Amino acid sequence: MTRETDSDDEIREERRHFDRSRLIVDVFFDGADATAVASTKDISVGGLYMNTRQELPEGGLLTLRLPFAEGDVVVNAEVVYSNPGRGVGVRFQGLPESARAIIERALAGQ
């Protein structure tokens, strides 16, 4: 099991292009030989961290569906960080502008 340290958090923070907010949303995902439901720990318009016991490899490609009050966001994502048995960080790929707007409004309304 990998243990996260403060320096690991600082390195990941420096690589992020968008500030993440602590918004909890269900995440339905498919890909990297897994199909499951998880929940977000934090999210931005660039990606999210989701809590899951599924082991998803770094570089794995997923299709995510995030249900928001004003509609579902469906987006492809790449696993950029894996904490086996705990969760993964993903970066959105090709997030449509309409989906970006839904996420921004959800983050603003929290």
Protein backbone atom coordinates (compact mmCIF):
# COMPACT_ATOMS: atom_id res chain seq x y z
CA MET A 1 0.00 0.00 0.00
CA THR A 2 1.29 3.45 -0.91
CA ARG A 3 1.25 6.12 1.76
CA GLU A 4 0.74 9.70 0.64
CA THR A 5 3.14 12.24 2.11
CA ASP A 6 2.94 16.01 2.26
CA SER A 7 5.69 16.30 -0.36
CA ASP A 8 3.70 14.00 -2.71
CA ASP A 9 0.68 16.30 -2.30
CA GLU A 10 2.82 19.36 -3.01
CA ILE A 11 4.26 17.83 -6.18
CA ARG A 12 0.77 16.93 -7.49
CA GLU A 13 -0.53 20.40 -6.63
CA GLU A 14 2.27 21.98 -8.68
CA ARG A 15 1.32 19.85 -11.72
CA ARG A 16 -2.34 20.88 -11.63
CA HIS A 17 -3.50 23.60 -13.95
CA PHE A 18 -6.85 24.12 -12.23
CA ASP A 19 -7.79 24.56 -8.58
CA ARG A 20 -9.76 21.63 -7.25
CA SER A 21 -12.78 21.95 -4.98
CA ARG A 22 -14.16 19.45 -2.50
CA LEU A 23 -17.37 18.58 -4.33
CA ILE A 24 -18.71 15.05 -3.82
CA VAL A 25 -20.33 13.59 -6.94
CA ASP A 26 -20.97 10.00 -8.00
CA VAL A 27 -18.70 8.82 -10.82
CA PHE A 28 -19.73 5.97 -13.09
CA PHE A 29 -16.65 4.76 -14.92
CA ASP A 30 -15.75 2.21 -17.54
CA GLY A 31 -12.35 1.28 -18.93
CA ALA A 32 -8.96 -0.08 -17.91
CA ASP A 33 -10.65 -3.49 -17.46
CA ALA A 34 -13.07 -2.15 -14.84
CA THR A 35 -16.63 -0.89 -14.64
CA ALA A 36 -17.81 0.56 -11.36
CA VAL A 37 -19.26 3.45 -9.39
CA ALA A 38 -17.05 5.69 -7.26
CA SER A 39 -17.30 9.13 -5.68
CA THR A 40 -15.20 12.20 -6.12
CA LYS A 41 -12.93 13.50 -3.39
CA ASP A 42 -12.23 16.70 -5.30
CA ILE A 43 -12.92 17.98 -8.79
CA SER A 44 -12.01 20.77 -11.22
CA VAL A 45 -12.67 21.46 -14.89
CA GLY A 46 -9.34 19.71 -15.57
CA GLY A 47 -9.94 16.45 -13.72
CA LEU A 48 -10.81 14.81 -10.45
CA TYR A 49 -9.73 12.42 -7.75
CA MET A 50 -12.12 9.57 -7.15
CA ASN A 51 -12.28 7.18 -4.24
CA THR A 52 -12.33 3.59 -5.49
CA ARG A 53 -10.95 0.22 -4.45
CA GLN A 54 -10.62 -0.73 -8.13
CA GLU A 55 -6.98 -0.93 -9.17
CA LEU A 56 -6.65 1.32 -12.20
CA PRO A 57 -3.20 1.67 -13.78
CA GLU A 58 -1.57 5.02 -14.47
CA GLY A 59 -2.08 5.79 -18.14
CA GLY A 60 -5.34 3.84 -18.20
CA LEU A 61 -8.17 5.39 -20.23
CA LEU A 62 -11.65 5.68 -18.79
CA THR A 63 -15.04 6.96 -19.81
CA LEU A 64 -16.68 8.82 -16.92
CA ARG A 65 -20.29 9.80 -16.36
CA LEU A 66 -20.90 12.40 -13.67
CA PRO A 67 -24.55 13.14 -12.83
CA PHE A 68 -25.17 16.80 -11.99
CA ALA A 69 -28.51 18.48 -11.25
CA GLU A 70 -28.62 20.12 -14.68
CA GLY A 71 -27.48 17.05 -16.61
CA ASP A 72 -24.91 14.30 -16.93
CA VAL A 73 -21.35 15.05 -17.97
CA VAL A 74 -19.76 12.28 -20.04
CA VAL A 75 -16.05 12.64 -20.66
CA ASN A 76 -12.97 10.57 -21.44
CA ALA A 77 -10.17 10.69 -18.90
CA GLU A 78 -6.67 9.37 -18.31
CA VAL A 79 -5.48 8.00 -14.96
CA VAL A 80 -2.51 10.18 -14.00
CA TYR A 81 -2.08 9.07 -10.40
CA SER A 82 -2.98 5.78 -8.73
CA ASN A 83 -3.16 5.03 -5.04
CA PRO A 84 -4.07 1.30 -5.21
CA GLY A 85 -7.04 0.31 -3.09
CA ARG A 86 -7.83 3.95 -2.26
CA GLY A 87 -8.39 5.95 -5.43
CA VAL A 88 -7.07 7.57 -8.59
CA GLY A 89 -6.49 11.03 -10.00
CA VAL A 90 -7.70 11.52 -13.57
CA ARG A 91 -7.25 14.23 -16.18
CA PHE A 92 -10.18 14.97 -18.49
CA GLN A 93 -9.54 14.64 -22.21
CA GLY A 94 -11.54 16.76 -24.62
CA LEU A 95 -14.04 18.12 -22.11
CA PRO A 96 -16.83 19.72 -24.18
CA GLU A 97 -17.55 23.38 -23.43
CA SER A 98 -21.13 22.54 -22.37
CA ALA A 99 -19.81 19.99 -19.85
CA ARG A 100 -17.22 22.46 -18.60
CA ALA A 101 -19.99 25.00 -17.98
CA ILE A 102 -22.02 22.45 -15.97
CA ILE A 103 -19.00 21.65 -13.77
CA GLU A 104 -18.17 25.34 -13.27
CA ARG A 105 -21.75 26.13 -12.20
CA ALA A 106 -21.79 23.16 -9.80
CA LEU A 107 -18.52 24.32 -8.26
CA ALA A 108 -19.77 27.91 -7.97
CA GLY A 109 -22.98 26.77 -6.26
CA GLN A 110 -21.40 24.67 -3.55
